[in-house]
Amino acid sequence: MARNKGLMSEQLKYEIARELGVDQIVATEGWGGVSSRDCGRVVAQAIEIAERSLAQQNMK
């Protein structure tokens, strides 16, 4: 069974990583070097961004 490529763009993931201060870890060790807690923070931030985007679309 093929895996989905992912819903988040690589650019968005790196922007969020930069905002949360884990971009150096990603750059040197890859996403596997990022702690579970920090990965959870990345996902939470992505969800917030998506919710804001949907709310803005619904206001139009």
PDB file of N, CA and C in Angstrom:
ATOM      1  N   MET A   1       0.838  -1.179   0.000  1.00  0.00           N
ATOM      2  CA  MET A   1       0.000   0.000   0.000  1.00  0.00           C
ATOM      3  C   MET A   1       0.884   1.244   0.000  1.00  0.00           C
ATOM      4  N   ALA A   2       0.606   2.162  -0.897  1.00  0.00           N
ATOM      5  CA  ALA A   2       1.405   3.372  -1.021  1.00  0.00           C
ATOM      6  C   ALA A   2       1.046   4.374   0.075  1.00  0.00           C
ATOM      7  N   ARG A   3       2.049   5.066   0.544  1.00  0.00           N
ATOM      8  CA  ARG A   3       1.827   6.108   1.549  1.00  0.00           C
ATOM      9  C   ARG A   3       1.491   7.412   0.858  1.00  0.00           C
ATOM     10  N   ASN A   4       0.641   8.192   1.507  1.00  0.00           N
ATOM     11  CA  ASN A   4       0.377   9.541   1.009  1.00  0.00           C
ATOM     12  C   ASN A   4       1.658  10.346   1.096  1.00  0.00           C
ATOM     13  N   LYS A   5       1.819  11.242   0.168  1.00  0.00           N
ATOM     14  CA  LYS A   5       3.005  12.089   0.170  1.00  0.00           C
ATOM     15  C   LYS A   5       2.945  13.088   1.315  1.00  0.00           C
ATOM     16  N   GLY A   6       1.768  13.389   1.788  1.00  0.00           N
ATOM     17  CA  GLY A   6       1.600  14.325   2.891  1.00  0.00           C
ATOM     18  C   GLY A   6       0.730  15.491   2.478  1.00  0.00           C
ATOM     19  N   LEU A   7       0.072  16.044   3.445  1.00  0.00           N
ATOM     20  CA  LEU A   7      -0.815  17.163   3.176  1.00  0.00           C
ATOM     21  C   LEU A   7      -0.116  18.502   3.340  1.00  0.00           C
ATOM     22  N   MET A   8       0.929  18.528   4.164  1.00  0.00           N
ATOM     23  CA  MET A   8       1.661  19.765   4.378  1.00  0.00           C
ATOM     24  C   MET A   8       2.800  19.859   3.384  1.00  0.00           C
ATOM     25  N   SER A   9       2.969  21.023   2.816  1.00  0.00           N
ATOM     26  CA  SER A   9       4.092  21.213   1.912  1.00  0.00           C
ATOM     27  C   SER A   9       5.390  21.245   2.721  1.00  0.00           C
ATOM     28  N   GLU A  10       6.468  20.899   2.068  1.00  0.00           N
ATOM     29  CA  GLU A  10       7.777  20.953   2.726  1.00  0.00           C
ATOM     30  C   GLU A  10       8.085  22.375   3.172  1.00  0.00           C
ATOM     31  N   GLN A  11       7.710  23.341   2.356  1.00  0.00           N
ATOM     32  CA  GLN A  11       7.972  24.734   2.694  1.00  0.00           C
ATOM     33  C   GLN A  11       7.264  25.113   3.990  1.00  0.00           C
ATOM     34  N   LEU A  12       6.000  24.704   4.143  1.00  0.00           N
ATOM     35  CA  LEU A  12       5.255  25.027   5.354  1.00  0.00           C
ATOM     36  C   LEU A  12       5.900  24.360   6.567  1.00  0.00           C
ATOM     37  N   LYS A  13       6.308  23.105   6.422  1.00  0.00           N
ATOM     38  CA  LYS A  13       6.947  22.411   7.544  1.00  0.00           C
ATOM     39  C   LYS A  13       8.216  23.138   7.987  1.00  0.00           C
ATOM     40  N   TYR A  14       9.020  23.570   7.032  1.00  0.00           N
ATOM     41  CA  TYR A  14      10.261  24.265   7.382  1.00  0.00           C
ATOM     42  C   TYR A  14       9.986  25.643   7.981  1.00  0.00           C
ATOM     43  N   GLU A  15       8.954  26.330   7.498  1.00  0.00           N
ATOM     44  CA  GLU A  15       8.594  27.630   8.083  1.00  0.00           C
ATOM     45  C   GLU A  15       8.177  27.465   9.539  1.00  0.00           C
ATOM     46  N   ILE A  16       7.363  26.451   9.805  1.00  0.00           N
ATOM     47  CA  ILE A  16       6.925  26.202  11.177  1.00  0.00           C
ATOM     48  C   ILE A  16       8.111  25.790  12.040  1.00  0.00           C
ATOM     49  N   ALA A  17       8.983  24.936  11.516  1.00  0.00           N
ATOM     50  CA  ALA A  17      10.178  24.523  12.258  1.00  0.00           C
ATOM     51  C   ALA A  17      11.025  25.740  12.616  1.00  0.00           C
ATOM     52  N   ARG A  18      11.145  26.682  11.694  1.00  0.00           N
ATOM     53  CA  ARG A  18      11.912  27.902  11.961  1.00  0.00           C
ATOM     54  C   ARG A  18      11.244  28.714  13.067  1.00  0.00           C
ATOM     55  N   GLU A  19       9.908  28.847  12.998  1.00  0.00           N
ATOM     56  CA  GLU A  19       9.174  29.594  14.024  1.00  0.00           C
ATOM     57  C   GLU A  19       9.365  28.976  15.407  1.00  0.00           C
ATOM     58  N   LEU A  20       9.429  27.649  15.461  1.00  0.00           N
ATOM     59  CA  LEU A  20       9.531  26.954  16.744  1.00  0.00           C
ATOM     60  C   LEU A  20      10.973  26.735  17.181  1.00  0.00           C
ATOM     61  N   GLY A  21      11.926  27.118  16.356  1.00  0.00           N
ATOM     62  CA  GLY A  21      13.334  27.030  16.728  1.00  0.00           C
ATOM     63  C   GLY A  21      13.956  25.655  16.576  1.00  0.00           C
ATOM     64  N   VAL A  22      13.369  24.792  15.757  1.00  0.00           N
ATOM     65  CA  VAL A  22      13.949  23.460  15.547  1.00  0.00           C
ATOM     66  C   VAL A  22      14.496  23.307  14.136  1.00  0.00           C
ATOM     67  N   ASP A  23      14.592  24.395  13.405  1.00  0.00           N
ATOM     68  CA  ASP A  23      15.050  24.324  12.018  1.00  0.00           C
ATOM     69  C   ASP A  23      16.489  23.848  11.896  1.00  0.00           C
ATOM     70  N   GLN A  24      17.343  24.175  12.861  1.00  0.00           N
ATOM     71  CA  GLN A  24      18.735  23.716  12.811  1.00  0.00           C
ATOM     72  C   GLN A  24      18.826  22.204  12.988  1.00  0.00           C
ATOM     73  N   ILE A  25      17.964  21.661  13.834  1.00  0.00           N
ATOM     74  CA  ILE A  25      17.935  20.205  14.015  1.00  0.00           C
ATOM     75  C   ILE A  25      17.517  19.538  12.719  1.00  0.00           C
ATOM     76  N   VAL A  26      16.481  20.079  12.082  1.00  0.00           N
ATOM     77  CA  VAL A  26      16.005  19.519  10.813  1.00  0.00           C
ATOM     78  C   VAL A  26      17.106  19.606   9.765  1.00  0.00           C
ATOM     79  N   ALA A  27      17.807  20.731   9.729  1.00  0.00           N
ATOM     80  CA  ALA A  27      18.856  20.930   8.723  1.00  0.00           C
ATOM     81  C   ALA A  27      20.019  19.968   8.918  1.00  0.00           C
ATOM     82  N   THR A  28      20.382  19.685  10.162  1.00  0.00           N
ATOM     83  CA  THR A  28      21.555  18.850  10.405  1.00  0.00           C
ATOM     84  C   THR A  28      21.230  17.362  10.539  1.00  0.00           C
ATOM     85  N   GLU A  29      20.079  17.045  11.147  1.00  0.00           N
ATOM     86  CA  GLU A  29      19.757  15.648  11.428  1.00  0.00           C
ATOM     87  C   GLU A  29      18.547  15.131  10.669  1.00  0.00           C
ATOM     88  N   GLY A  30      17.832  16.014  10.030  1.00  0.00           N
ATOM     89  CA  GLY A  30      16.590  15.620   9.373  1.00  0.00           C
ATOM     90  C   GLY A  30      15.446  15.578  10.377  1.00  0.00           C
ATOM     91  N   TRP A  31      14.262  15.253   9.890  1.00  0.00           N
ATOM     92  CA  TRP A  31      13.089  15.234  10.765  1.00  0.00           C
ATOM     93  C   TRP A  31      13.190  14.151  11.825  1.00  0.00           C
ATOM     94  N   GLY A  32      13.967  13.114  11.577  1.00  0.00           N
ATOM     95  CA  GLY A  32      14.137  12.049  12.564  1.00  0.00           C
ATOM     96  C   GLY A  32      14.858  12.503  13.817  1.00  0.00           C
ATOM     97  N   GLY A  33      15.584  13.601  13.737  1.00  0.00           N
ATOM     98  CA  GLY A  33      16.300  14.125  14.895  1.00  0.00           C
ATOM     99  C   GLY A  33      15.467  15.026  15.771  1.00  0.00           C
ATOM    100  N   VAL A  34      14.276  15.371  15.312  1.00  0.00           N
ATOM    101  CA  VAL A  34      13.391  16.264  16.065  1.00  0.00           C
ATOM    102  C   VAL A  34      12.630  15.429  17.090  1.00  0.00           C
ATOM    103  N   SER A  35      12.558  15.919  18.311  1.00  0.00           N
ATOM    104  CA  SER A  35      11.875  15.164  19.365  1.00  0.00           C
ATOM    105  C   SER A  35      10.389  15.027  19.068  1.00  0.00           C
ATOM    106  N   SER A  36       9.782  14.037  19.676  1.00  0.00           N
ATOM    107  CA  SER A  36       8.340  13.817  19.511  1.00  0.00           C
ATOM    108  C   SER A  36       7.554  15.033  19.965  1.00  0.00           C
ATOM    109  N   ARG A  37       7.982  15.622  21.059  1.00  0.00           N
ATOM    110  CA  ARG A  37       7.298  16.810  21.586  1.00  0.00           C
ATOM    111  C   ARG A  37       7.333  17.940  20.557  1.00  0.00           C
ATOM    112  N   ASP A  38       8.506  18.181  19.970  1.00  0.00           N
ATOM    113  CA  ASP A  38       8.618  19.255  18.985  1.00  0.00           C
ATOM    114  C   ASP A  38       7.852  18.937  17.712  1.00  0.00           C
ATOM    115  N   CYS A  39       7.830  17.667  17.303  1.00  0.00           N
ATOM    116  CA  CYS A  39       7.021  17.288  16.141  1.00  0.00           C
ATOM    117  C   CYS A  39       5.540  17.555  16.426  1.00  0.00           C
ATOM    118  N   GLY A  40       5.116  17.259  17.636  1.00  0.00           N
ATOM    119  CA  GLY A  40       3.745  17.551  18.031  1.00  0.00           C
ATOM    120  C   GLY A  40       3.448  19.038  17.982  1.00  0.00           C
ATOM    121  N   ARG A  41       4.422  19.848  18.373  1.00  0.00           N
ATOM    122  CA  ARG A  41       4.251  21.302  18.306  1.00  0.00           C
ATOM    123  C   ARG A  41       4.138  21.765  16.858  1.00  0.00           C
ATOM    124  N   VAL A  42       4.904  21.144  15.961  1.00  0.00           N
ATOM    125  CA  VAL A  42       4.821  21.478  14.528  1.00  0.00           C
ATOM    126  C   VAL A  42       3.425  21.158  14.009  1.00  0.00           C
ATOM    127  N   VAL A  43       2.921  19.984  14.359  1.00  0.00           N
ATOM    128  CA  VAL A  43       1.583  19.583  13.907  1.00  0.00           C
ATOM    129  C   VAL A  43       0.519  20.526  14.483  1.00  0.00           C
ATOM    130  N   ALA A  44       0.634  20.843  15.765  1.00  0.00           N
ATOM    131  CA  ALA A  44      -0.340  21.743  16.394  1.00  0.00           C
ATOM    132  C   ALA A  44      -0.348  23.109  15.698  1.00  0.00           C
ATOM    133  N   GLN A  45       0.832  23.606  15.373  1.00  0.00           N
ATOM    134  CA  GLN A  45       0.932  24.898  14.681  1.00  0.00           C
ATOM    135  C   GLN A  45       0.319  24.807  13.288  1.00  0.00           C
ATOM    136  N   ALA A  46       0.551  23.697  12.595  1.00  0.00           N
ATOM    137  CA  ALA A  46      -0.026  23.508  11.263  1.00  0.00           C
ATOM    138  C   ALA A  46      -1.550  23.469  11.335  1.00  0.00           C
ATOM    139  N   ILE A  47      -2.082  22.830  12.370  1.00  0.00           N
ATOM    140  CA  ILE A  47      -3.533  22.780  12.547  1.00  0.00           C
ATOM    141  C   ILE A  47      -4.086  24.171  12.790  1.00  0.00           C
ATOM    142  N   GLU A  48      -3.410  24.957  13.613  1.00  0.00           N
ATOM    143  CA  GLU A  48      -3.844  26.337  13.860  1.00  0.00           C
ATOM    144  C   GLU A  48      -3.878  27.137  12.561  1.00  0.00           C
ATOM    145  N   ILE A  49      -2.843  26.987  11.748  1.00  0.00           N
ATOM    146  CA  ILE A  49      -2.777  27.707  10.474  1.00  0.00           C
ATOM    147  C   ILE A  49      -3.926  27.280   9.568  1.00  0.00           C
ATOM    148  N   ALA A  50      -4.196  25.984   9.509  1.00  0.00           N
ATOM    149  CA  ALA A  50      -5.277  25.471   8.669  1.00  0.00           C
ATOM    150  C   ALA A  50      -6.628  25.963   9.156  1.00  0.00           C
ATOM    151  N   GLU A  51      -6.837  25.977  10.470  1.00  0.00           N
ATOM    152  CA  GLU A  51      -8.105  26.456  11.022  1.00  0.00           C
ATOM    153  C   GLU A  51      -8.317  27.931  10.719  1.00  0.00           C
ATOM    154  N   ARG A  52      -7.255  28.730  10.841  1.00  0.00           N
ATOM    155  CA  ARG A  52      -7.362  30.164  10.523  1.00  0.00           C
ATOM    156  C   ARG A  52      -7.690  30.362   9.051  1.00  0.00           C
ATOM    157  N   SER A  53      -7.051  29.563   8.200  1.00  0.00           N
ATOM    158  CA  SER A  53      -7.293  29.663   6.769  1.00  0.00           C
ATOM    159  C   SER A  53      -8.741  29.314   6.434  1.00  0.00           C
ATOM    160  N   LEU A  54      -9.259  28.255   7.045  1.00  0.00           N
ATOM    161  CA  LEU A  54     -10.659  27.875   6.815  1.00  0.00           C
ATOM    162  C   LEU A  54     -11.617  28.935   7.322  1.00  0.00           C
ATOM    163  N   ALA A  55     -11.318  29.501   8.471  1.00  0.00           N
ATOM    164  CA  ALA A  55     -12.174  30.546   9.029  1.00  0.00           C
ATOM    165  C   ALA A  55     -12.219  31.765   8.102  1.00  0.00           C
ATOM    166  N   GLN A  56     -11.061  32.112   7.545  1.00  0.00           N
ATOM    167  CA  GLN A  56     -11.018  33.236   6.607  1.00  0.00           C
ATOM    168  C   GLN A  56     -11.803  32.938   5.345  1.00  0.00           C
ATOM    169  N   GLN A  57     -11.730  31.697   4.850  1.00  0.00           N
ATOM    170  CA  GLN A  57     -12.465  31.312   3.661  1.00  0.00           C
ATOM    171  C   GLN A  57     -13.968  31.338   3.919  1.00  0.00           C
ATOM    172  N   ASN A  58     -14.378  30.946   5.102  1.00  0.00           N
ATOM    173  CA  ASN A  58     -15.792  30.925   5.442  1.00  0.00           C
ATOM    174  C   ASN A  58     -16.367  32.334   5.622  1.00  0.00           C
ATOM    175  N   MET A  59     -15.504  33.309   5.905  1.00  0.00           N
ATOM    176  CA  MET A  59     -15.959  34.686   6.079  1.00  0.00           C
ATOM    177  C   MET A  59     -16.202  35.365   4.747  1.00  0.00           C
ATOM    178  N   LYS A  60     -15.667  34.819   3.678  1.00  0.00           N
ATOM    179  CA  LYS A  60     -15.803  35.446   2.354  1.00  0.00           C
ATOM    180  C   LYS A  60     -17.163  35.218   1.779  1.00  0.00           C
TER     181      LYS A  60
END
